[in-house]
Amino acid sequence: MDRIAKLAQIITSEYDNERVVVCCVLKGGHQFFSDLVHYMKKALNRQGKTLPMTLEFIRVKSYENDKSSGSVHISMSDKELRELEGKNLLLVEDIIDTGNTMKKLLERLQQYNIKSVKVASLLLKKTPLSCGYVPDYVGFAVPDLFVVGYCLDYNDIFRDLDHICAISETGKLKYAI
């Protein structure tokens, strides 16, 4: 929570009094999003004011078991994405693994004339499979393991854990689809 509070202060201080659309990348980013928004509401920007925010949600799916499917499914329609035009957007993600999913999402968002897009990720995985993408704000770097808990899942299981841990190979086999 200390790190999330610090990230909230850093993020809030970088915006003036312009409204920011804080967008939760579901499902895994839900808990981090909730806690980050909580602390952002308490943090003050450069003018000593709270940051005006609008909340949004998007579902982005690219994993099956512990592997990326290679395709990215985005839940927001073109009409909903067009409503972001001219706005500041902060995407809140649970983990950046290879970075490919986020790169594809950001490429899609480029066509909607959004004023600014920044990404906050609770975790950044150190993996040789990384495409090199690094988010604007990072909570923690983690080793190249499949982590679960704090809303991060393995086939929709383990989101309910209050802590983050690595799932073993035995666990992966037991909970595989």
N, C-alpha and C. Protein backbone atom coordinates (compact mmCIF):
# COMPACT_ATOMS: atom_id res chain seq x y z
N MET A 1 0.82 -1.20 0.00
CA MET A 1 0.00 0.00 0.00
C MET A 1 0.87 1.26 0.00
N ASP A 2 2.04 1.17 0.66
CA ASP A 2 2.93 2.33 0.67
C ASP A 2 3.37 2.69 -0.75
N ARG A 3 3.70 1.67 -1.54
CA ARG A 3 4.15 1.92 -2.90
C ARG A 3 3.01 2.48 -3.76
N ILE A 4 1.82 1.96 -3.58
CA ILE A 4 0.68 2.45 -4.35
C ILE A 4 0.38 3.91 -3.98
N ALA A 5 0.45 4.23 -2.70
CA ALA A 5 0.25 5.62 -2.26
C ALA A 5 1.30 6.54 -2.90
N LYS A 6 2.54 6.08 -2.98
CA LYS A 6 3.61 6.87 -3.59
C LYS A 6 3.35 7.06 -5.09
N LEU A 7 2.94 5.98 -5.78
CA LEU A 7 2.62 6.09 -7.20
C LEU A 7 1.49 7.09 -7.42
N ALA A 8 0.47 7.04 -6.55
CA ALA A 8 -0.66 7.97 -6.66
C ALA A 8 -0.18 9.41 -6.55
N GLN A 9 0.72 9.67 -5.62
CA GLN A 9 1.25 11.03 -5.45
C GLN A 9 2.05 11.47 -6.67
N ILE A 10 2.87 10.58 -7.21
CA ILE A 10 3.66 10.90 -8.40
C ILE A 10 2.74 11.20 -9.58
N ILE A 11 1.77 10.33 -9.81
CA ILE A 11 0.84 10.50 -10.93
C ILE A 11 0.06 11.81 -10.79
N THR A 12 -0.51 12.03 -9.64
CA THR A 12 -1.32 13.22 -9.40
C THR A 12 -0.51 14.50 -9.58
N SER A 13 0.74 14.48 -9.14
CA SER A 13 1.57 15.68 -9.23
C SER A 13 1.94 16.03 -10.67
N GLU A 14 1.82 15.10 -11.59
CA GLU A 14 2.19 15.35 -12.98
C GLU A 14 1.06 15.95 -13.82
N TYR A 15 -0.11 16.03 -13.25
CA TYR A 15 -1.24 16.63 -13.96
C TYR A 15 -1.60 17.96 -13.32
N ASP A 16 -2.01 18.91 -14.15
CA ASP A 16 -2.54 20.16 -13.61
C ASP A 16 -4.02 19.89 -13.29
N ASN A 17 -4.86 20.85 -13.42
CA ASN A 17 -6.26 20.65 -13.06
C ASN A 17 -7.11 20.08 -14.20
N GLU A 18 -6.46 19.43 -15.14
CA GLU A 18 -7.20 18.80 -16.23
C GLU A 18 -7.75 17.46 -15.76
N ARG A 19 -8.98 17.19 -16.15
CA ARG A 19 -9.60 15.90 -15.80
C ARG A 19 -8.82 14.75 -16.44
N VAL A 20 -8.71 13.68 -15.69
CA VAL A 20 -8.03 12.48 -16.17
C VAL A 20 -9.02 11.32 -16.16
N VAL A 21 -9.08 10.60 -17.25
CA VAL A 21 -9.89 9.38 -17.30
C VAL A 21 -8.98 8.25 -16.82
N VAL A 22 -9.29 7.72 -15.66
CA VAL A 22 -8.51 6.61 -15.10
C VAL A 22 -9.23 5.34 -15.51
N CYS A 23 -8.56 4.53 -16.31
CA CYS A 23 -9.19 3.37 -16.93
C CYS A 23 -8.58 2.07 -16.40
N CYS A 24 -9.41 1.27 -15.77
CA CYS A 24 -8.99 -0.01 -15.23
C CYS A 24 -8.97 -1.05 -16.34
N VAL A 25 -7.84 -1.73 -16.49
CA VAL A 25 -7.75 -2.85 -17.42
C VAL A 25 -8.18 -4.09 -16.65
N LEU A 26 -9.36 -4.58 -16.99
CA LEU A 26 -9.95 -5.73 -16.29
C LEU A 26 -9.42 -7.04 -16.85
N LYS A 27 -9.47 -8.05 -16.09
CA LYS A 27 -9.96 -8.17 -14.75
C LYS A 27 -8.84 -7.98 -13.74
N GLY A 28 -7.64 -8.32 -14.12
CA GLY A 28 -6.52 -8.36 -13.18
C GLY A 28 -6.15 -7.04 -12.53
N GLY A 29 -6.44 -5.93 -13.20
CA GLY A 29 -6.05 -4.63 -12.65
C GLY A 29 -7.02 -4.07 -11.63
N HIS A 30 -8.11 -4.77 -11.37
CA HIS A 30 -9.17 -4.22 -10.52
C HIS A 30 -8.71 -3.79 -9.13
N GLN A 31 -7.99 -4.63 -8.42
CA GLN A 31 -7.61 -4.30 -7.04
C GLN A 31 -6.59 -3.15 -7.01
N PHE A 32 -5.61 -3.21 -7.91
CA PHE A 32 -4.63 -2.13 -8.01
C PHE A 32 -5.32 -0.82 -8.37
N PHE A 33 -6.23 -0.86 -9.35
CA PHE A 33 -7.00 0.31 -9.76
C PHE A 33 -7.76 0.90 -8.57
N SER A 34 -8.45 0.06 -7.85
CA SER A 34 -9.24 0.51 -6.70
C SER A 34 -8.37 1.21 -5.66
N ASP A 35 -7.26 0.58 -5.32
CA ASP A 35 -6.36 1.15 -4.32
C ASP A 35 -5.67 2.42 -4.84
N LEU A 36 -5.27 2.42 -6.11
CA LEU A 36 -4.61 3.59 -6.69
C LEU A 36 -5.56 4.78 -6.74
N VAL A 37 -6.79 4.57 -7.18
CA VAL A 37 -7.77 5.66 -7.23
C VAL A 37 -8.04 6.18 -5.82
N HIS A 38 -8.14 5.28 -4.86
CA HIS A 38 -8.35 5.68 -3.45
C HIS A 38 -7.26 6.67 -3.03
N TYR A 39 -6.00 6.34 -3.30
CA TYR A 39 -4.89 7.22 -2.91
C TYR A 39 -4.80 8.47 -3.79
N MET A 40 -5.18 8.34 -5.07
CA MET A 40 -5.17 9.52 -5.94
C MET A 40 -6.19 10.55 -5.47
N LYS A 41 -7.32 10.11 -4.95
CA LYS A 41 -8.34 11.04 -4.44
C LYS A 41 -7.82 11.82 -3.24
N LYS A 42 -6.87 11.26 -2.51
CA LYS A 42 -6.30 11.92 -1.35
C LYS A 42 -5.09 12.79 -1.70
N ALA A 43 -4.43 12.46 -2.81
CA ALA A 43 -3.21 13.17 -3.20
C ALA A 43 -3.54 14.53 -3.81
N LEU A 44 -2.58 15.43 -3.74
CA LEU A 44 -2.75 16.77 -4.29
C LEU A 44 -1.83 16.98 -5.48
N ASN A 45 -2.32 17.76 -6.46
CA ASN A 45 -1.48 18.05 -7.61
C ASN A 45 -0.58 19.26 -7.34
N ARG A 46 0.07 19.77 -8.37
CA ARG A 46 1.02 20.88 -8.20
C ARG A 46 0.39 22.15 -7.66
N GLN A 47 -0.91 22.31 -7.88
CA GLN A 47 -1.61 23.49 -7.37
C GLN A 47 -2.19 23.26 -5.98
N GLY A 48 -1.90 22.13 -5.40
CA GLY A 48 -2.44 21.84 -4.07
C GLY A 48 -3.90 21.46 -4.09
N LYS A 49 -4.39 21.00 -5.24
CA LYS A 49 -5.79 20.60 -5.38
C LYS A 49 -5.87 19.11 -5.71
N THR A 50 -7.04 18.55 -5.43
CA THR A 50 -7.23 17.16 -5.82
C THR A 50 -7.43 17.08 -7.32
N LEU A 51 -7.08 15.95 -7.88
CA LEU A 51 -7.14 15.76 -9.33
C LEU A 51 -8.55 15.35 -9.75
N PRO A 52 -9.17 16.09 -10.66
CA PRO A 52 -10.49 15.66 -11.14
C PRO A 52 -10.35 14.41 -12.00
N MET A 53 -11.16 13.41 -11.69
CA MET A 53 -11.05 12.12 -12.38
C MET A 53 -12.41 11.62 -12.86
N THR A 54 -12.36 10.88 -13.94
CA THR A 54 -13.49 10.09 -14.42
C THR A 54 -12.98 8.65 -14.46
N LEU A 55 -13.83 7.72 -14.11
CA LEU A 55 -13.41 6.32 -14.08
C LEU A 55 -14.00 5.56 -15.25
N GLU A 56 -13.21 4.69 -15.82
CA GLU A 56 -13.62 3.90 -16.98
C GLU A 56 -13.06 2.49 -16.81
N PHE A 57 -13.64 1.55 -17.56
CA PHE A 57 -13.20 0.15 -17.48
C PHE A 57 -13.10 -0.43 -18.87
N ILE A 58 -12.06 -1.22 -19.09
CA ILE A 58 -11.87 -1.90 -20.36
C ILE A 58 -11.38 -3.31 -20.05
N ARG A 59 -11.86 -4.24 -20.82
CA ARG A 59 -11.38 -5.62 -20.65
C ARG A 59 -10.49 -5.94 -21.83
N VAL A 60 -9.29 -6.39 -21.51
CA VAL A 60 -8.31 -6.76 -22.52
C VAL A 60 -7.87 -8.18 -22.18
N LYS A 61 -8.02 -9.08 -23.13
CA LYS A 61 -7.70 -10.48 -22.84
C LYS A 61 -6.76 -11.02 -23.90
N SER A 62 -5.68 -11.66 -23.43
CA SER A 62 -4.73 -12.25 -24.38
C SER A 62 -4.12 -13.56 -23.88
N TYR A 63 -4.46 -13.98 -22.65
CA TYR A 63 -3.83 -15.18 -22.06
C TYR A 63 -4.78 -16.35 -21.96
N GLU A 64 -4.21 -17.54 -22.16
CA GLU A 64 -4.89 -18.80 -21.88
C GLU A 64 -3.87 -19.68 -21.18
N ASN A 65 -4.23 -20.20 -20.01
CA ASN A 65 -3.27 -20.86 -19.13
C ASN A 65 -2.16 -19.86 -18.83
N ASP A 66 -0.90 -20.23 -19.05
CA ASP A 66 0.19 -19.29 -18.75
C ASP A 66 0.86 -18.75 -20.01
N LYS A 67 0.16 -18.83 -21.15
CA LYS A 67 0.73 -18.40 -22.43
C LYS A 67 -0.17 -17.36 -23.10
N SER A 68 0.46 -16.43 -23.77
CA SER A 68 -0.28 -15.46 -24.55
C SER A 68 -0.87 -16.16 -25.76
N SER A 69 -2.12 -15.84 -26.08
CA SER A 69 -2.79 -16.45 -27.23
C SER A 69 -2.32 -15.83 -28.54
N GLY A 70 -1.64 -14.68 -28.47
CA GLY A 70 -1.18 -14.00 -29.67
C GLY A 70 -2.16 -12.98 -30.20
N SER A 71 -3.41 -13.06 -29.74
CA SER A 71 -4.40 -12.08 -30.15
C SER A 71 -4.88 -11.31 -28.93
N VAL A 72 -5.33 -10.08 -29.15
CA VAL A 72 -5.78 -9.22 -28.07
C VAL A 72 -7.24 -8.87 -28.32
N HIS A 73 -8.09 -9.16 -27.35
CA HIS A 73 -9.51 -8.84 -27.44
C HIS A 73 -9.79 -7.66 -26.52
N ILE A 74 -10.37 -6.60 -27.08
CA ILE A 74 -10.67 -5.38 -26.34
C ILE A 74 -12.18 -5.22 -26.25
N SER A 75 -12.68 -4.96 -25.04
CA SER A 75 -14.13 -4.93 -24.82
C SER A 75 -14.81 -3.63 -25.22
N MET A 76 -14.11 -2.52 -25.32
CA MET A 76 -14.76 -1.24 -25.64
C MET A 76 -15.05 -1.14 -27.13
N SER A 77 -16.22 -0.62 -27.44
CA SER A 77 -16.61 -0.43 -28.84
C SER A 77 -15.92 0.80 -29.42
N ASP A 78 -15.98 0.94 -30.74
CA ASP A 78 -15.42 2.14 -31.38
C ASP A 78 -16.11 3.39 -30.84
N LYS A 79 -17.40 3.33 -30.63
CA LYS A 79 -18.14 4.48 -30.11
C LYS A 79 -17.62 4.87 -28.73
N GLU A 80 -17.42 3.90 -27.86
CA GLU A 80 -16.90 4.18 -26.52
C GLU A 80 -15.48 4.73 -26.57
N LEU A 81 -14.66 4.18 -27.45
CA LEU A 81 -13.29 4.66 -27.59
C LEU A 81 -13.25 6.08 -28.15
N ARG A 82 -14.18 6.42 -29.05
CA ARG A 82 -14.25 7.78 -29.60
C ARG A 82 -14.56 8.82 -28.53
N GLU A 83 -15.23 8.40 -27.46
CA GLU A 83 -15.55 9.32 -26.37
C GLU A 83 -14.31 9.74 -25.58
N LEU A 84 -13.18 9.08 -25.81
CA LEU A 84 -11.92 9.44 -25.14
C LEU A 84 -11.17 10.55 -25.89
N GLU A 85 -11.65 10.93 -27.06
CA GLU A 85 -10.98 11.94 -27.87
C GLU A 85 -10.77 13.23 -27.07
N GLY A 86 -9.54 13.76 -27.14
CA GLY A 86 -9.20 15.01 -26.49
C GLY A 86 -9.00 14.92 -24.99
N LYS A 87 -9.05 13.72 -24.44
CA LYS A 87 -8.94 13.56 -22.98
C LYS A 87 -7.59 12.96 -22.59
N ASN A 88 -7.23 13.17 -21.32
CA ASN A 88 -6.05 12.53 -20.74
C ASN A 88 -6.49 11.16 -20.22
N LEU A 89 -5.77 10.13 -20.61
CA LEU A 89 -6.13 8.77 -20.24
C LEU A 89 -4.99 8.12 -19.46
N LEU A 90 -5.33 7.56 -18.31
CA LEU A 90 -4.38 6.78 -17.52
C LEU A 90 -4.88 5.36 -17.47
N LEU A 91 -4.18 4.45 -18.14
CA LEU A 91 -4.53 3.03 -18.12
C LEU A 91 -3.89 2.40 -16.89
N VAL A 92 -4.67 1.65 -16.12
CA VAL A 92 -4.17 1.01 -14.90
C VAL A 92 -4.20 -0.50 -15.12
N GLU A 93 -3.02 -1.09 -15.15
CA GLU A 93 -2.82 -2.50 -15.50
C GLU A 93 -2.22 -3.25 -14.32
N ASP A 94 -2.49 -4.54 -14.25
CA ASP A 94 -1.92 -5.35 -13.17
C ASP A 94 -0.45 -5.67 -13.40
N ILE A 95 -0.14 -6.18 -14.60
CA ILE A 95 1.24 -6.61 -14.88
C ILE A 95 1.56 -6.43 -16.36
N ILE A 96 2.77 -5.99 -16.62
CA ILE A 96 3.30 -5.97 -17.98
C ILE A 96 4.26 -7.15 -18.04
N ASP A 97 3.90 -8.11 -18.86
CA ASP A 97 4.69 -9.33 -19.00
C ASP A 97 5.61 -9.16 -20.21
N THR A 98 5.18 -9.59 -21.38
CA THR A 98 5.99 -9.37 -22.58
C THR A 98 5.85 -7.94 -23.08
N GLY A 99 4.74 -7.30 -22.73
CA GLY A 99 4.46 -5.94 -23.21
C GLY A 99 3.66 -5.92 -24.50
N ASN A 100 3.50 -7.08 -25.13
CA ASN A 100 2.81 -7.13 -26.42
C ASN A 100 1.35 -6.72 -26.33
N THR A 101 0.66 -7.14 -25.29
CA THR A 101 -0.76 -6.78 -25.14
C THR A 101 -0.91 -5.27 -25.01
N MET A 102 -0.10 -4.65 -24.17
CA MET A 102 -0.20 -3.21 -23.98
C MET A 102 0.17 -2.47 -25.26
N LYS A 103 1.19 -2.93 -25.96
CA LYS A 103 1.56 -2.27 -27.21
C LYS A 103 0.41 -2.31 -28.21
N LYS A 104 -0.27 -3.45 -28.29
CA LYS A 104 -1.40 -3.56 -29.22
C LYS A 104 -2.55 -2.67 -28.79
N LEU A 105 -2.82 -2.60 -27.49
CA LEU A 105 -3.87 -1.71 -27.00
C LEU A 105 -3.52 -0.26 -27.29
N LEU A 106 -2.28 0.14 -27.04
CA LEU A 106 -1.87 1.53 -27.29
C LEU A 106 -1.93 1.87 -28.79
N GLU A 107 -1.58 0.91 -29.63
CA GLU A 107 -1.69 1.13 -31.08
C GLU A 107 -3.14 1.37 -31.48
N ARG A 108 -4.03 0.59 -30.89
CA ARG A 108 -5.47 0.76 -31.19
C ARG A 108 -5.95 2.13 -30.72
N LEU A 109 -5.50 2.56 -29.55
CA LEU A 109 -5.94 3.84 -28.99
C LEU A 109 -5.44 5.04 -29.80
N GLN A 110 -4.32 4.88 -30.51
CA GLN A 110 -3.75 5.99 -31.29
C GLN A 110 -4.73 6.56 -32.32
N GLN A 111 -5.63 5.75 -32.80
CA GLN A 111 -6.56 6.21 -33.85
C GLN A 111 -7.70 7.07 -33.32
N TYR A 112 -7.74 7.32 -31.99
CA TYR A 112 -8.87 8.04 -31.41
C TYR A 112 -8.51 9.45 -30.91
N ASN A 113 -7.38 9.98 -31.29
CA ASN A 113 -7.01 11.37 -30.99
C ASN A 113 -7.15 11.71 -29.50
N ILE A 114 -6.60 10.84 -28.67
CA ILE A 114 -6.61 11.04 -27.22
C ILE A 114 -5.51 12.04 -26.89
N LYS A 115 -5.79 12.99 -26.00
CA LYS A 115 -4.82 14.05 -25.68
C LYS A 115 -3.52 13.47 -25.15
N SER A 116 -3.61 12.59 -24.13
CA SER A 116 -2.41 11.92 -23.61
C SER A 116 -2.80 10.55 -23.08
N VAL A 117 -1.89 9.61 -23.22
CA VAL A 117 -2.11 8.26 -22.71
C VAL A 117 -0.88 7.87 -21.90
N LYS A 118 -1.11 7.51 -20.64
CA LYS A 118 -0.04 7.00 -19.78
C LYS A 118 -0.51 5.69 -19.19
N VAL A 119 0.46 4.87 -18.79
CA VAL A 119 0.15 3.55 -18.24
C VAL A 119 0.80 3.40 -16.88
N ALA A 120 0.00 2.96 -15.91
CA ALA A 120 0.49 2.60 -14.58
C ALA A 120 0.31 1.10 -14.43
N SER A 121 1.38 0.40 -14.11
CA SER A 121 1.30 -1.05 -13.91
C SER A 121 1.86 -1.38 -12.53
N LEU A 122 1.14 -2.20 -11.79
CA LEU A 122 1.62 -2.62 -10.48
C LEU A 122 2.93 -3.38 -10.61
N LEU A 123 2.99 -4.27 -11.61
CA LEU A 123 4.16 -5.13 -11.77
C LEU A 123 4.73 -5.03 -13.19
N LEU A 124 6.04 -5.14 -13.29
CA LEU A 124 6.74 -5.25 -14.56
C LEU A 124 7.61 -6.48 -14.47
N LYS A 125 7.33 -7.45 -15.33
CA LYS A 125 8.07 -8.72 -15.29
C LYS A 125 9.38 -8.60 -16.05
N LYS A 126 10.44 -9.06 -15.42
CA LYS A 126 11.75 -9.12 -16.08
C LYS A 126 11.83 -10.44 -16.82
N THR A 127 11.62 -10.41 -18.13
CA THR A 127 11.60 -11.62 -18.94
C THR A 127 12.33 -11.42 -20.25
N PRO A 128 13.02 -12.44 -20.73
CA PRO A 128 13.68 -12.33 -22.04
C PRO A 128 12.66 -12.24 -23.19
N LEU A 129 11.40 -12.52 -22.92
CA LEU A 129 10.37 -12.44 -23.94
C LEU A 129 9.82 -11.03 -24.11
N SER A 130 10.30 -10.08 -23.32
CA SER A 130 9.80 -8.71 -23.36
C SER A 130 10.08 -8.07 -24.71
N CYS A 131 9.09 -7.30 -25.18
CA CYS A 131 9.27 -6.54 -26.42
C CYS A 131 9.96 -5.21 -26.15
N GLY A 132 10.24 -4.95 -24.87
CA GLY A 132 10.93 -3.71 -24.49
C GLY A 132 10.01 -2.62 -23.98
N TYR A 133 8.71 -2.86 -24.00
CA TYR A 133 7.77 -1.85 -23.52
C TYR A 133 7.89 -1.70 -22.00
N VAL A 134 7.99 -0.44 -21.55
CA VAL A 134 8.03 -0.12 -20.12
C VAL A 134 6.95 0.93 -19.86
N PRO A 135 6.05 0.68 -18.91
CA PRO A 135 4.99 1.65 -18.62
C PRO A 135 5.54 2.93 -17.99
N ASP A 136 4.72 3.95 -17.95
CA ASP A 136 5.12 5.24 -17.39
C ASP A 136 5.33 5.16 -15.88
N TYR A 137 4.53 4.34 -15.22
CA TYR A 137 4.60 4.19 -13.76
C TYR A 137 4.61 2.70 -13.43
N VAL A 138 5.55 2.29 -12.59
CA VAL A 138 5.69 0.89 -12.20
C VAL A 138 5.76 0.78 -10.69
N GLY A 139 4.98 -0.15 -10.15
CA GLY A 139 5.03 -0.41 -8.71
C GLY A 139 6.25 -1.22 -8.34
N PHE A 140 6.37 -2.41 -8.94
CA PHE A 140 7.47 -3.33 -8.61
C PHE A 140 7.90 -4.11 -9.84
N ALA A 141 9.17 -4.43 -9.91
CA ALA A 141 9.69 -5.36 -10.91
C ALA A 141 9.66 -6.75 -10.28
N VAL A 142 9.24 -7.75 -11.07
CA VAL A 142 9.18 -9.12 -10.57
C VAL A 142 9.98 -10.03 -11.49
N PRO A 143 10.46 -11.15 -10.95
CA PRO A 143 11.22 -12.09 -11.79
C PRO A 143 10.32 -12.79 -12.80
N ASP A 144 10.92 -13.51 -13.70
CA ASP A 144 10.22 -14.20 -14.78
C ASP A 144 9.50 -15.45 -14.26
N LEU A 145 8.46 -15.22 -13.45
CA LEU A 145 7.62 -16.28 -12.90
C LEU A 145 6.18 -15.91 -13.17
N PHE A 146 5.27 -16.88 -13.16
CA PHE A 146 3.86 -16.59 -13.33
C PHE A 146 3.29 -16.27 -11.96
N VAL A 147 2.88 -15.02 -11.75
CA VAL A 147 2.41 -14.59 -10.43
C VAL A 147 0.89 -14.48 -10.40
N VAL A 148 0.35 -14.74 -9.20
CA VAL A 148 -1.09 -14.70 -8.98
C VAL A 148 -1.37 -13.99 -7.66
N GLY A 149 -2.64 -13.65 -7.45
CA GLY A 149 -3.06 -12.99 -6.22
C GLY A 149 -3.25 -11.50 -6.45
N TYR A 150 -3.94 -10.83 -5.52
CA TYR A 150 -4.23 -9.40 -5.61
C TYR A 150 -4.90 -9.10 -6.96
N CYS A 151 -5.81 -9.98 -7.34
CA CYS A 151 -6.59 -9.96 -8.58
C CYS A 151 -5.86 -10.48 -9.82
N LEU A 152 -4.59 -10.83 -9.72
CA LEU A 152 -3.92 -11.49 -10.83
C LEU A 152 -4.33 -12.96 -10.77
N ASP A 153 -4.61 -13.54 -11.95
CA ASP A 153 -5.17 -14.89 -11.94
C ASP A 153 -4.39 -15.88 -12.78
N TYR A 154 -4.76 -17.11 -12.60
CA TYR A 154 -4.37 -18.21 -13.49
C TYR A 154 -5.68 -18.88 -13.86
N ASN A 155 -6.15 -18.66 -15.10
CA ASN A 155 -7.43 -19.19 -15.56
C ASN A 155 -8.57 -18.80 -14.63
N ASP A 156 -8.56 -17.56 -14.20
CA ASP A 156 -9.60 -16.96 -13.36
C ASP A 156 -9.60 -17.48 -11.92
N ILE A 157 -8.54 -18.11 -11.50
CA ILE A 157 -8.42 -18.61 -10.13
C ILE A 157 -7.31 -17.81 -9.44
N PHE A 158 -7.40 -17.65 -8.14
CA PHE A 158 -6.44 -16.97 -7.27
C PHE A 158 -6.58 -15.46 -7.21
N ARG A 159 -7.61 -14.88 -7.84
CA ARG A 159 -7.82 -13.44 -7.76
C ARG A 159 -8.12 -13.00 -6.33
N ASP A 160 -8.63 -13.93 -5.52
CA ASP A 160 -9.08 -13.60 -4.16
C ASP A 160 -7.95 -13.53 -3.13
N LEU A 161 -6.75 -13.88 -3.50
CA LEU A 161 -5.64 -13.82 -2.55
C LEU A 161 -5.29 -12.36 -2.24
N ASP A 162 -4.96 -12.08 -0.99
CA ASP A 162 -4.58 -10.72 -0.60
C ASP A 162 -3.12 -10.41 -0.89
N HIS A 163 -2.37 -11.42 -1.23
CA HIS A 163 -0.93 -11.26 -1.49
C HIS A 163 -0.62 -11.73 -2.91
N ILE A 164 0.58 -11.46 -3.36
CA ILE A 164 1.04 -11.90 -4.68
C ILE A 164 2.09 -12.99 -4.48
N CYS A 165 1.95 -14.07 -5.24
CA CYS A 165 2.91 -15.17 -5.16
C CYS A 165 3.04 -15.82 -6.54
N ALA A 166 4.05 -16.65 -6.68
CA ALA A 166 4.26 -17.38 -7.94
C ALA A 166 3.52 -18.71 -7.86
N ILE A 167 2.90 -19.10 -8.96
CA ILE A 167 2.25 -20.40 -9.02
C ILE A 167 3.26 -21.43 -9.49
N SER A 168 3.27 -22.58 -8.84
CA SER A 168 4.22 -23.64 -9.18
C SER A 168 3.77 -24.38 -10.44
N GLU A 169 4.66 -25.16 -11.01
CA GLU A 169 4.32 -25.98 -12.18
C GLU A 169 3.21 -26.97 -11.82
N THR A 170 3.24 -27.49 -10.62
CA THR A 170 2.18 -28.42 -10.16
C THR A 170 0.85 -27.69 -10.13
N GLY A 171 0.84 -26.45 -9.62
CA GLY A 171 -0.38 -25.65 -9.59
C GLY A 171 -0.89 -25.35 -10.99
N LYS A 172 0.01 -25.06 -11.91
CA LYS A 172 -0.38 -24.79 -13.29
C LYS A 172 -1.08 -26.01 -13.89
N LEU A 173 -0.53 -27.18 -13.67
CA LEU A 173 -1.15 -28.40 -14.19
C LEU A 173 -2.51 -28.63 -13.55
N LYS A 174 -2.61 -28.45 -12.26
CA LYS A 174 -3.86 -28.70 -11.54
C LYS A 174 -4.98 -27.78 -12.02
N TYR A 175 -4.67 -26.52 -12.32
CA TYR A 175 -5.69 -25.54 -12.67
C TYR A 175 -5.73 -25.18 -14.16
N ALA A 176 -5.06 -25.97 -15.00
CA ALA A 176 -5.07 -25.72 -16.44
C ALA A 176 -6.47 -25.96 -17.02
N ILE A 177 -6.76 -25.27 -18.09
CA ILE A 177 -8.07 -25.44 -18.76
C ILE A 177 -8.05 -26.72 -19.57
